[in-house]
Amino acid sequence: MIQYFQAAERHDVDAYVVDYSEQTHKEQGVEILYSKPKDIYAFHLSNPNHYTYWAVNFEKHSTFFQGESNCECMFATIRTDHRRRVALFVELKYCKEKNIPRNASEALSQLINTQKLIKERGCIDNKYNVFLNIAIPEHSHKEPFTAFILTPNDIKKVQDELNVIILGYNQVVILTPSYIKLPREDV
C-alpha cells in the first residue's frame, strides 16, 4: 500500500475517522485518529483482536485522484498469506437529519468512484473483500443509511455489479483479516 500512498500508516488498534472541514471552515480536514475524539462525532473502526491494517487518508493523496471525486479514507487489512483481505472505504457526511437522503446518495457515488479508481490503478485486486461504507456520525439512530437511497434489491444489484458490499453504519468491527461485521446492538 505504501508504494501507492506515501502517507499510509500501519496500525492494529481501533481507529476513528472525522472531518473537521465544516467545523473549522476548512482549516482542518479529514483525520484518522486512534483515540475517540471528544469534540466531534466520528466513524469508529473497532479492532478488538488487533489485526494489522493500512489506514489511508485520501485527503493526504489528492494528486492520486487528479480532481476525481473520492471518499475520505480506506482501511485495508494486511495478511502474509494469500488469503482474502478487507478493503473498507469510508465516506463521512455531517448534515441535518432532513438532508440524510441527499448526503447518503452523494456518499455512495463518491465511494463507488473511489473504489473503481483504486482497483483500476492496481492498489487492490480480487483478493480483497471490498466494503463501501456511508457514515453519518451525528445520526446513528437512523442507521443503516443505505435505507434512505436504495431498496434492498437495488443494493444487491449494485453489489453484484461491482463485487462490493455496501454498508451504512457509523461503526464496523474487523472480525478477521478477511471480514468485517456490524457491532452487536443491545436490545
N, C-alpha and C. Protein backbone atom coordinates (compact mmCIF):
# COMPACT_ATOMS: atom_id res chain seq x y z
N MET A 1 0.82 -1.19 0.00
CA MET A 1 0.00 0.00 0.00
C MET A 1 0.87 1.26 0.00
N ILE A 2 2.00 1.16 0.68
CA ILE A 2 2.86 2.33 0.81
C ILE A 2 3.42 2.77 -0.55
N GLN A 3 3.50 1.86 -1.51
CA GLN A 3 4.00 2.24 -2.84
C GLN A 3 3.03 3.16 -3.58
N TYR A 4 1.74 3.10 -3.21
CA TYR A 4 0.74 3.96 -3.84
C TYR A 4 0.44 5.20 -3.00
N PHE A 5 0.51 5.03 -1.69
CA PHE A 5 0.12 6.09 -0.77
C PHE A 5 1.22 6.30 0.27
N GLN A 6 2.06 7.30 0.05
CA GLN A 6 3.22 7.54 0.91
C GLN A 6 2.86 7.82 2.37
N ALA A 7 1.68 8.39 2.61
CA ALA A 7 1.28 8.71 3.98
C ALA A 7 0.45 7.60 4.62
N ALA A 8 0.36 6.43 3.99
CA ALA A 8 -0.37 5.30 4.58
C ALA A 8 0.31 4.90 5.88
N GLU A 9 -0.50 4.51 6.86
CA GLU A 9 0.03 4.12 8.16
C GLU A 9 -0.44 2.72 8.53
N ARG A 10 0.43 1.96 9.19
CA ARG A 10 0.08 0.63 9.69
C ARG A 10 -0.35 0.75 11.14
N HIS A 11 -1.46 0.08 11.47
CA HIS A 11 -1.95 0.10 12.84
C HIS A 11 -2.59 -1.23 13.18
N ASP A 12 -2.81 -1.45 14.47
CA ASP A 12 -3.52 -2.66 14.91
C ASP A 12 -4.47 -2.33 16.07
N VAL A 13 -4.91 -1.09 16.13
CA VAL A 13 -5.81 -0.62 17.19
C VAL A 13 -7.09 -0.06 16.56
N ASP A 14 -8.02 0.34 17.40
CA ASP A 14 -9.23 0.99 16.90
C ASP A 14 -8.87 2.30 16.21
N ALA A 15 -9.70 2.71 15.25
CA ALA A 15 -9.48 3.97 14.55
C ALA A 15 -10.80 4.75 14.52
N TYR A 16 -10.67 6.07 14.47
CA TYR A 16 -11.82 6.96 14.38
C TYR A 16 -11.58 7.93 13.23
N VAL A 17 -12.56 8.06 12.36
CA VAL A 17 -12.43 8.97 11.22
C VAL A 17 -13.35 10.16 11.47
N VAL A 18 -12.80 11.35 11.31
CA VAL A 18 -13.55 12.59 11.48
C VAL A 18 -13.24 13.52 10.31
N ASP A 19 -14.11 14.49 10.11
CA ASP A 19 -13.86 15.52 9.12
C ASP A 19 -14.18 16.87 9.76
N TYR A 20 -13.12 17.63 10.03
CA TYR A 20 -13.25 18.92 10.69
C TYR A 20 -13.51 20.06 9.70
N SER A 21 -13.63 19.77 8.42
CA SER A 21 -13.74 20.82 7.39
C SER A 21 -14.81 21.85 7.71
N GLU A 22 -16.02 21.39 7.97
CA GLU A 22 -17.13 22.32 8.22
C GLU A 22 -16.95 23.04 9.55
N GLN A 23 -16.54 22.31 10.56
CA GLN A 23 -16.40 22.85 11.91
C GLN A 23 -15.31 23.92 11.99
N THR A 24 -14.23 23.76 11.19
CA THR A 24 -13.09 24.69 11.26
C THR A 24 -12.99 25.58 10.02
N HIS A 25 -14.05 25.62 9.21
CA HIS A 25 -14.04 26.41 7.97
C HIS A 25 -12.85 26.03 7.09
N LYS A 26 -12.61 24.71 6.99
CA LYS A 26 -11.60 24.09 6.12
C LYS A 26 -10.16 24.32 6.56
N GLU A 27 -9.94 24.80 7.80
CA GLU A 27 -8.57 24.91 8.32
C GLU A 27 -8.03 23.52 8.64
N GLN A 28 -8.91 22.62 9.06
CA GLN A 28 -8.58 21.22 9.26
C GLN A 28 -9.52 20.42 8.37
N GLY A 29 -9.14 19.20 8.07
CA GLY A 29 -9.99 18.37 7.23
C GLY A 29 -10.18 16.99 7.83
N VAL A 30 -10.03 15.98 7.00
CA VAL A 30 -10.20 14.60 7.42
C VAL A 30 -9.00 14.17 8.26
N GLU A 31 -9.31 13.50 9.36
CA GLU A 31 -8.26 12.95 10.21
C GLU A 31 -8.64 11.54 10.62
N ILE A 32 -7.64 10.67 10.68
CA ILE A 32 -7.82 9.33 11.22
C ILE A 32 -7.12 9.35 12.58
N LEU A 33 -7.90 9.14 13.62
CA LEU A 33 -7.40 9.22 14.99
C LEU A 33 -7.41 7.84 15.62
N TYR A 34 -6.62 7.68 16.68
CA TYR A 34 -6.52 6.37 17.33
C TYR A 34 -6.98 6.41 18.78
N SER A 35 -7.69 7.47 19.12
CA SER A 35 -8.44 7.55 20.36
C SER A 35 -9.70 8.34 20.04
N LYS A 36 -10.76 8.05 20.78
CA LYS A 36 -12.07 8.64 20.47
C LYS A 36 -12.03 10.16 20.68
N PRO A 37 -12.41 10.92 19.65
CA PRO A 37 -12.41 12.38 19.80
C PRO A 37 -13.56 12.82 20.70
N LYS A 38 -13.32 13.88 21.43
CA LYS A 38 -14.35 14.41 22.33
C LYS A 38 -15.07 15.61 21.74
N ASP A 39 -14.55 16.17 20.64
CA ASP A 39 -15.09 17.41 20.10
C ASP A 39 -15.92 17.25 18.83
N ILE A 40 -16.06 16.01 18.33
CA ILE A 40 -16.79 15.80 17.08
C ILE A 40 -17.23 14.34 17.02
N TYR A 41 -18.36 14.07 16.39
CA TYR A 41 -18.80 12.70 16.16
C TYR A 41 -17.90 12.06 15.10
N ALA A 42 -17.71 10.73 15.22
CA ALA A 42 -16.76 10.05 14.34
C ALA A 42 -17.30 8.70 13.87
N PHE A 43 -16.72 8.22 12.77
CA PHE A 43 -16.88 6.82 12.36
C PHE A 43 -15.88 6.03 13.18
N HIS A 44 -16.27 4.85 13.68
CA HIS A 44 -15.40 4.03 14.53
C HIS A 44 -15.12 2.69 13.86
N LEU A 45 -13.85 2.42 13.61
CA LEU A 45 -13.40 1.10 13.16
C LEU A 45 -12.92 0.36 14.40
N SER A 46 -13.69 -0.60 14.84
CA SER A 46 -13.35 -1.37 16.03
C SER A 46 -12.46 -2.54 15.62
N ASN A 47 -11.40 -2.76 16.37
CA ASN A 47 -10.43 -3.81 16.05
C ASN A 47 -10.06 -4.55 17.34
N PRO A 48 -11.01 -5.29 17.94
CA PRO A 48 -10.77 -5.91 19.25
C PRO A 48 -9.68 -6.97 19.27
N ASN A 49 -9.39 -7.57 18.12
CA ASN A 49 -8.36 -8.63 18.07
C ASN A 49 -7.02 -8.13 17.55
N HIS A 50 -6.91 -6.83 17.35
CA HIS A 50 -5.65 -6.17 16.96
C HIS A 50 -5.03 -6.72 15.68
N TYR A 51 -5.86 -6.90 14.65
CA TYR A 51 -5.33 -7.27 13.34
C TYR A 51 -4.65 -6.05 12.73
N THR A 52 -3.58 -6.28 12.00
CA THR A 52 -2.84 -5.18 11.39
C THR A 52 -3.54 -4.73 10.11
N TYR A 53 -3.59 -3.42 9.90
CA TYR A 53 -4.22 -2.87 8.71
C TYR A 53 -3.50 -1.60 8.28
N TRP A 54 -3.71 -1.24 7.01
CA TRP A 54 -3.26 0.04 6.49
C TRP A 54 -4.40 1.04 6.66
N ALA A 55 -4.07 2.24 7.08
CA ALA A 55 -5.03 3.35 7.14
C ALA A 55 -4.55 4.38 6.13
N VAL A 56 -5.41 4.71 5.16
CA VAL A 56 -5.03 5.66 4.12
C VAL A 56 -6.02 6.82 4.12
N ASN A 57 -5.54 8.00 4.48
CA ASN A 57 -6.34 9.22 4.44
C ASN A 57 -6.19 9.79 3.04
N PHE A 58 -7.22 9.71 2.22
CA PHE A 58 -7.13 10.15 0.83
C PHE A 58 -6.92 11.65 0.69
N GLU A 59 -7.26 12.41 1.71
CA GLU A 59 -7.03 13.86 1.65
C GLU A 59 -5.54 14.17 1.57
N LYS A 60 -4.71 13.26 2.06
CA LYS A 60 -3.26 13.43 2.01
C LYS A 60 -2.67 12.96 0.68
N HIS A 61 -3.54 12.51 -0.23
CA HIS A 61 -3.10 11.97 -1.52
C HIS A 61 -3.94 12.53 -2.66
N SER A 62 -4.18 13.81 -2.64
CA SER A 62 -5.07 14.43 -3.64
C SER A 62 -4.54 14.28 -5.07
N THR A 63 -3.22 14.23 -5.24
CA THR A 63 -2.67 14.08 -6.60
C THR A 63 -2.99 12.72 -7.19
N PHE A 64 -3.20 11.72 -6.35
CA PHE A 64 -3.56 10.39 -6.83
C PHE A 64 -4.89 10.43 -7.58
N PHE A 65 -5.79 11.26 -7.12
CA PHE A 65 -7.14 11.30 -7.68
C PHE A 65 -7.29 12.34 -8.79
N GLN A 66 -6.34 13.24 -8.93
CA GLN A 66 -6.31 14.22 -10.03
C GLN A 66 -7.68 14.84 -10.30
N GLY A 67 -8.32 15.36 -9.25
CA GLY A 67 -9.59 16.04 -9.42
C GLY A 67 -10.81 15.14 -9.46
N GLU A 68 -10.62 13.83 -9.44
CA GLU A 68 -11.75 12.89 -9.42
C GLU A 68 -12.40 12.90 -8.04
N SER A 69 -13.70 12.67 -8.00
CA SER A 69 -14.43 12.57 -6.74
C SER A 69 -13.94 11.35 -5.97
N ASN A 70 -13.67 11.53 -4.69
CA ASN A 70 -13.21 10.41 -3.88
C ASN A 70 -13.78 10.48 -2.47
N CYS A 71 -13.67 9.38 -1.74
CA CYS A 71 -14.15 9.32 -0.37
C CYS A 71 -13.03 9.73 0.59
N GLU A 72 -13.32 9.67 1.90
CA GLU A 72 -12.36 10.15 2.90
C GLU A 72 -11.14 9.25 3.05
N CYS A 73 -11.39 7.94 3.16
CA CYS A 73 -10.27 7.07 3.51
C CYS A 73 -10.56 5.61 3.16
N MET A 74 -9.50 4.82 3.35
CA MET A 74 -9.60 3.37 3.15
C MET A 74 -8.81 2.68 4.24
N PHE A 75 -9.35 1.57 4.71
CA PHE A 75 -8.63 0.69 5.62
C PHE A 75 -8.46 -0.64 4.89
N ALA A 76 -7.26 -1.18 4.87
CA ALA A 76 -7.01 -2.45 4.18
C ALA A 76 -6.22 -3.36 5.12
N THR A 77 -6.79 -4.53 5.42
CA THR A 77 -6.10 -5.45 6.32
C THR A 77 -4.86 -6.01 5.64
N ILE A 78 -3.92 -6.41 6.47
CA ILE A 78 -2.64 -6.94 6.00
C ILE A 78 -2.57 -8.41 6.35
N ARG A 79 -2.19 -9.20 5.37
CA ARG A 79 -2.01 -10.64 5.57
C ARG A 79 -0.68 -11.05 4.97
N THR A 80 -0.04 -12.04 5.56
CA THR A 80 1.20 -12.55 5.00
C THR A 80 0.97 -13.78 4.12
N ASP A 81 -0.24 -14.34 4.19
CA ASP A 81 -0.57 -15.47 3.33
C ASP A 81 -1.34 -14.94 2.11
N HIS A 82 -1.84 -15.82 1.30
CA HIS A 82 -2.53 -15.41 0.07
C HIS A 82 -4.04 -15.47 0.21
N ARG A 83 -4.53 -15.38 1.42
CA ARG A 83 -5.97 -15.43 1.65
C ARG A 83 -6.59 -14.06 1.43
N ARG A 84 -7.90 -14.03 1.45
CA ARG A 84 -8.64 -12.77 1.21
C ARG A 84 -8.37 -11.76 2.30
N ARG A 85 -8.49 -10.49 1.92
CA ARG A 85 -8.29 -9.36 2.82
C ARG A 85 -9.51 -8.46 2.76
N VAL A 86 -9.55 -7.47 3.63
CA VAL A 86 -10.61 -6.47 3.64
C VAL A 86 -10.08 -5.16 3.10
N ALA A 87 -10.86 -4.51 2.25
CA ALA A 87 -10.64 -3.11 1.87
C ALA A 87 -11.94 -2.39 2.20
N LEU A 88 -11.89 -1.53 3.20
CA LEU A 88 -13.06 -0.80 3.67
C LEU A 88 -12.90 0.67 3.30
N PHE A 89 -13.80 1.16 2.44
CA PHE A 89 -13.81 2.56 2.04
C PHE A 89 -14.87 3.27 2.88
N VAL A 90 -14.54 4.47 3.38
CA VAL A 90 -15.45 5.20 4.25
C VAL A 90 -15.65 6.62 3.74
N GLU A 91 -16.90 7.04 3.66
CA GLU A 91 -17.24 8.43 3.36
C GLU A 91 -18.12 8.95 4.48
N LEU A 92 -17.72 10.08 5.06
CA LEU A 92 -18.48 10.73 6.13
C LEU A 92 -19.30 11.86 5.57
N LYS A 93 -20.48 12.05 6.14
CA LYS A 93 -21.30 13.22 5.84
C LYS A 93 -21.82 13.75 7.16
N TYR A 94 -21.61 15.03 7.38
CA TYR A 94 -22.19 15.72 8.54
C TYR A 94 -23.31 16.58 7.98
N CYS A 95 -24.52 16.38 8.50
CA CYS A 95 -25.66 17.11 7.94
C CYS A 95 -26.82 17.12 8.90
N LYS A 96 -27.80 17.94 8.57
CA LYS A 96 -29.06 17.93 9.30
C LYS A 96 -29.81 16.66 8.93
N GLU A 97 -30.66 16.19 9.83
CA GLU A 97 -31.38 14.95 9.61
C GLU A 97 -32.18 14.96 8.30
N LYS A 98 -32.78 16.08 7.96
CA LYS A 98 -33.58 16.16 6.74
C LYS A 98 -32.74 15.98 5.47
N ASN A 99 -31.43 16.15 5.57
CA ASN A 99 -30.54 16.04 4.41
C ASN A 99 -29.87 14.67 4.28
N ILE A 100 -30.22 13.74 5.15
CA ILE A 100 -29.59 12.41 5.10
C ILE A 100 -29.76 11.75 3.73
N PRO A 101 -30.96 11.70 3.14
CA PRO A 101 -31.09 11.02 1.84
C PRO A 101 -30.15 11.59 0.76
N ARG A 102 -30.12 12.90 0.62
CA ARG A 102 -29.27 13.51 -0.40
C ARG A 102 -27.79 13.25 -0.11
N ASN A 103 -27.38 13.39 1.16
CA ASN A 103 -25.98 13.18 1.52
C ASN A 103 -25.57 11.73 1.40
N ALA A 104 -26.46 10.81 1.76
CA ALA A 104 -26.14 9.38 1.63
C ALA A 104 -25.96 9.00 0.17
N SER A 105 -26.80 9.53 -0.69
CA SER A 105 -26.69 9.27 -2.12
C SER A 105 -25.37 9.79 -2.68
N GLU A 106 -25.00 11.00 -2.30
CA GLU A 106 -23.73 11.59 -2.73
C GLU A 106 -22.56 10.76 -2.21
N ALA A 107 -22.65 10.31 -0.95
CA ALA A 107 -21.58 9.50 -0.37
C ALA A 107 -21.40 8.20 -1.15
N LEU A 108 -22.49 7.55 -1.51
CA LEU A 108 -22.38 6.30 -2.26
C LEU A 108 -21.70 6.53 -3.60
N SER A 109 -22.02 7.61 -4.28
CA SER A 109 -21.36 7.92 -5.56
C SER A 109 -19.85 8.10 -5.36
N GLN A 110 -19.47 8.80 -4.30
CA GLN A 110 -18.05 9.00 -4.02
C GLN A 110 -17.35 7.68 -3.72
N LEU A 111 -18.01 6.83 -2.95
CA LEU A 111 -17.43 5.53 -2.61
C LEU A 111 -17.24 4.66 -3.85
N ILE A 112 -18.26 4.61 -4.69
CA ILE A 112 -18.18 3.80 -5.90
C ILE A 112 -17.06 4.30 -6.80
N ASN A 113 -16.98 5.60 -6.99
CA ASN A 113 -15.93 6.16 -7.84
C ASN A 113 -14.54 5.87 -7.27
N THR A 114 -14.37 6.02 -5.97
CA THR A 114 -13.06 5.79 -5.36
C THR A 114 -12.61 4.36 -5.52
N GLN A 115 -13.49 3.41 -5.19
CA GLN A 115 -13.06 2.00 -5.28
C GLN A 115 -12.75 1.61 -6.71
N LYS A 116 -13.47 2.19 -7.69
CA LYS A 116 -13.17 1.90 -9.09
C LYS A 116 -11.77 2.40 -9.45
N LEU A 117 -11.44 3.62 -9.04
CA LEU A 117 -10.11 4.18 -9.31
C LEU A 117 -9.01 3.35 -8.65
N ILE A 118 -9.23 2.97 -7.41
CA ILE A 118 -8.25 2.18 -6.66
C ILE A 118 -8.02 0.83 -7.34
N LYS A 119 -9.09 0.19 -7.80
CA LYS A 119 -8.96 -1.09 -8.49
C LYS A 119 -8.26 -0.91 -9.85
N GLU A 120 -8.69 0.10 -10.62
CA GLU A 120 -8.09 0.35 -11.94
C GLU A 120 -6.60 0.60 -11.86
N ARG A 121 -6.15 1.23 -10.81
CA ARG A 121 -4.73 1.58 -10.66
C ARG A 121 -3.93 0.50 -9.95
N GLY A 122 -4.58 -0.65 -9.67
CA GLY A 122 -3.87 -1.81 -9.14
C GLY A 122 -3.54 -1.77 -7.66
N CYS A 123 -4.14 -0.86 -6.90
CA CYS A 123 -3.85 -0.77 -5.47
C CYS A 123 -4.44 -1.94 -4.70
N ILE A 124 -5.60 -2.41 -5.15
CA ILE A 124 -6.20 -3.62 -4.59
C ILE A 124 -6.58 -4.52 -5.75
N ASP A 125 -6.67 -5.81 -5.47
CA ASP A 125 -7.01 -6.77 -6.52
C ASP A 125 -8.19 -7.62 -6.08
N ASN A 126 -8.40 -8.72 -6.77
CA ASN A 126 -9.56 -9.57 -6.47
C ASN A 126 -9.40 -10.39 -5.19
N LYS A 127 -8.30 -10.23 -4.48
CA LYS A 127 -8.12 -10.91 -3.20
C LYS A 127 -8.72 -10.12 -2.04
N TYR A 128 -9.34 -8.99 -2.35
CA TYR A 128 -9.94 -8.15 -1.32
C TYR A 128 -11.46 -8.29 -1.31
N ASN A 129 -12.02 -8.43 -0.12
CA ASN A 129 -13.45 -8.26 0.09
C ASN A 129 -13.64 -6.76 0.26
N VAL A 130 -14.32 -6.13 -0.67
CA VAL A 130 -14.45 -4.67 -0.69
C VAL A 130 -15.78 -4.24 -0.07
N PHE A 131 -15.66 -3.35 0.91
CA PHE A 131 -16.82 -2.79 1.61
C PHE A 131 -16.84 -1.29 1.37
N LEU A 132 -18.02 -0.76 1.02
CA LEU A 132 -18.22 0.67 0.85
C LEU A 132 -19.15 1.13 1.96
N ASN A 133 -18.67 2.01 2.83
CA ASN A 133 -19.48 2.39 3.98
C ASN A 133 -19.78 3.89 4.02
N ILE A 134 -21.09 4.18 4.09
CA ILE A 134 -21.59 5.54 4.27
C ILE A 134 -21.73 5.76 5.77
N ALA A 135 -21.08 6.80 6.30
CA ALA A 135 -21.20 7.12 7.73
C ALA A 135 -21.74 8.54 7.88
N ILE A 136 -22.73 8.68 8.73
CA ILE A 136 -23.29 9.99 9.05
C ILE A 136 -23.27 10.07 10.59
N PRO A 137 -22.09 10.40 11.15
CA PRO A 137 -21.83 10.24 12.58
C PRO A 137 -22.82 10.86 13.54
N GLU A 138 -23.45 11.95 13.21
CA GLU A 138 -24.37 12.60 14.13
C GLU A 138 -25.73 11.91 14.22
N HIS A 139 -25.97 10.94 13.35
CA HIS A 139 -27.31 10.36 13.25
C HIS A 139 -27.32 8.83 13.33
N SER A 140 -26.63 8.27 14.31
CA SER A 140 -26.60 6.81 14.46
C SER A 140 -27.99 6.20 14.61
N HIS A 141 -28.93 6.95 15.14
CA HIS A 141 -30.29 6.46 15.33
C HIS A 141 -31.02 6.22 14.00
N LYS A 142 -30.43 6.64 12.87
CA LYS A 142 -31.05 6.47 11.55
C LYS A 142 -30.36 5.37 10.72
N GLU A 143 -29.45 4.62 11.31
CA GLU A 143 -28.77 3.55 10.59
C GLU A 143 -29.75 2.44 10.20
N PRO A 144 -29.53 1.74 9.12
CA PRO A 144 -28.49 1.92 8.10
C PRO A 144 -28.84 3.05 7.13
N PHE A 145 -27.86 3.82 6.78
CA PHE A 145 -28.07 4.98 5.94
C PHE A 145 -28.40 4.60 4.50
N THR A 146 -28.09 3.39 4.11
CA THR A 146 -28.43 2.91 2.77
C THR A 146 -29.94 2.85 2.57
N ALA A 147 -30.69 2.71 3.64
CA ALA A 147 -32.15 2.62 3.54
C ALA A 147 -32.77 3.91 2.99
N PHE A 148 -32.03 5.01 3.03
CA PHE A 148 -32.54 6.28 2.54
C PHE A 148 -32.38 6.44 1.03
N ILE A 149 -31.59 5.57 0.41
CA ILE A 149 -31.28 5.80 -1.01
C ILE A 149 -31.62 4.65 -1.94
N LEU A 150 -31.61 3.42 -1.43
CA LEU A 150 -31.83 2.27 -2.30
C LEU A 150 -32.70 1.23 -1.62
N THR A 151 -33.45 0.49 -2.42
CA THR A 151 -34.17 -0.65 -1.90
C THR A 151 -33.18 -1.79 -1.70
N PRO A 152 -33.51 -2.79 -0.89
CA PRO A 152 -32.61 -3.94 -0.75
C PRO A 152 -32.27 -4.60 -2.09
N ASN A 153 -33.24 -4.68 -3.00
CA ASN A 153 -32.97 -5.27 -4.32
C ASN A 153 -31.98 -4.43 -5.12
N ASP A 154 -32.12 -3.10 -5.05
CA ASP A 154 -31.19 -2.22 -5.75
C ASP A 154 -29.78 -2.32 -5.17
N ILE A 155 -29.69 -2.41 -3.85
CA ILE A 155 -28.38 -2.58 -3.21
C ILE A 155 -27.74 -3.87 -3.68
N LYS A 156 -28.50 -4.94 -3.70
CA LYS A 156 -27.98 -6.25 -4.15
C LYS A 156 -27.49 -6.16 -5.59
N LYS A 157 -28.25 -5.47 -6.44
CA LYS A 157 -27.88 -5.34 -7.85
C LYS A 157 -26.54 -4.59 -7.98
N VAL A 158 -26.38 -3.48 -7.28
CA VAL A 158 -25.14 -2.71 -7.33
C VAL A 158 -23.98 -3.54 -6.77
N GLN A 159 -24.23 -4.22 -5.67
CA GLN A 159 -23.19 -5.06 -5.07
C GLN A 159 -22.73 -6.14 -6.04
N ASP A 160 -23.66 -6.78 -6.71
CA ASP A 160 -23.32 -7.84 -7.66
C ASP A 160 -22.54 -7.27 -8.86
N GLU A 161 -22.96 -6.11 -9.35
CA GLU A 161 -22.29 -5.49 -10.50
C GLU A 161 -20.85 -5.10 -10.17
N LEU A 162 -20.64 -4.57 -8.97
CA LEU A 162 -19.32 -4.04 -8.59
C LEU A 162 -18.48 -5.01 -7.77
N ASN A 163 -19.06 -6.12 -7.34
CA ASN A 163 -18.40 -7.07 -6.46
C ASN A 163 -17.94 -6.39 -5.16
N VAL A 164 -18.87 -5.69 -4.52
CA VAL A 164 -18.62 -4.98 -3.27
C VAL A 164 -19.78 -5.27 -2.32
N ILE A 165 -19.60 -4.88 -1.06
CA ILE A 165 -20.68 -4.92 -0.08
C ILE A 165 -20.90 -3.48 0.38
N ILE A 166 -22.15 -3.03 0.31
CA ILE A 166 -22.48 -1.65 0.67
C ILE A 166 -23.07 -1.62 2.07
N LEU A 167 -22.49 -0.75 2.90
CA LEU A 167 -22.94 -0.59 4.28
C LEU A 167 -23.30 0.87 4.55
N GLY A 168 -23.96 1.11 5.65
CA GLY A 168 -24.33 2.46 6.04
C GLY A 168 -24.33 2.61 7.55
N TYR A 169 -23.16 2.47 8.16
CA TYR A 169 -23.07 2.46 9.62
C TYR A 169 -21.94 3.36 10.12
N ASN A 170 -22.08 3.79 11.37
CA ASN A 170 -21.07 4.64 12.00
C ASN A 170 -20.02 3.84 12.76
N GLN A 171 -20.18 2.53 12.77
CA GLN A 171 -19.18 1.66 13.39
C GLN A 171 -19.20 0.32 12.70
N VAL A 172 -18.03 -0.22 12.42
CA VAL A 172 -17.88 -1.60 11.96
C VAL A 172 -16.72 -2.22 12.73
N VAL A 173 -16.70 -3.55 12.74
CA VAL A 173 -15.71 -4.29 13.52
C VAL A 173 -14.90 -5.16 12.57
N ILE A 174 -13.57 -5.14 12.73
CA ILE A 174 -12.74 -6.09 11.99
C ILE A 174 -12.89 -7.43 12.70
N LEU A 175 -13.59 -8.35 12.06
CA LEU A 175 -13.84 -9.68 12.64
C LEU A 175 -12.61 -10.56 12.45
N THR A 176 -12.11 -10.60 11.23
CA THR A 176 -10.88 -11.31 10.88
C THR A 176 -10.20 -10.47 9.80
N PRO A 177 -8.98 -10.80 9.40
CA PRO A 177 -8.36 -10.05 8.30
C PRO A 177 -9.13 -10.15 6.98
N SER A 178 -10.09 -11.08 6.90
CA SER A 178 -10.88 -11.27 5.68
C SER A 178 -12.28 -10.69 5.75
N TYR A 179 -12.78 -10.41 6.95
CA TYR A 179 -14.18 -10.00 7.09
C TYR A 179 -14.36 -8.91 8.14
N ILE A 180 -15.36 -8.07 7.90
CA ILE A 180 -15.80 -7.14 8.92
C ILE A 180 -17.24 -7.47 9.27
N LYS A 181 -17.69 -6.99 10.40
CA LYS A 181 -19.08 -7.20 10.81
C LYS A 181 -19.60 -5.93 11.44
N LEU A 182 -20.90 -5.90 11.64
CA LEU A 182 -21.52 -4.79 12.32
C LEU A 182 -21.45 -5.07 13.82
N PRO A 183 -21.37 -4.02 14.63
CA PRO A 183 -21.31 -4.26 16.08
C PRO A 183 -22.63 -4.83 16.58
N ARG A 184 -22.56 -5.54 17.66
CA ARG A 184 -23.74 -6.11 18.28
C ARG A 184 -24.56 -4.99 18.91
N GLU A 185 -25.85 -5.02 18.66
CA GLU A 185 -26.73 -4.00 19.24
C GLU A 185 -27.37 -4.53 20.51
N ASP A 186 -27.42 -3.68 21.51
CA ASP A 186 -28.13 -4.05 22.75
C ASP A 186 -29.62 -3.90 22.51
N VAL A 187 -30.37 -4.91 22.95
CA VAL A 187 -31.82 -4.87 22.76
C VAL A 187 -32.49 -4.71 24.10
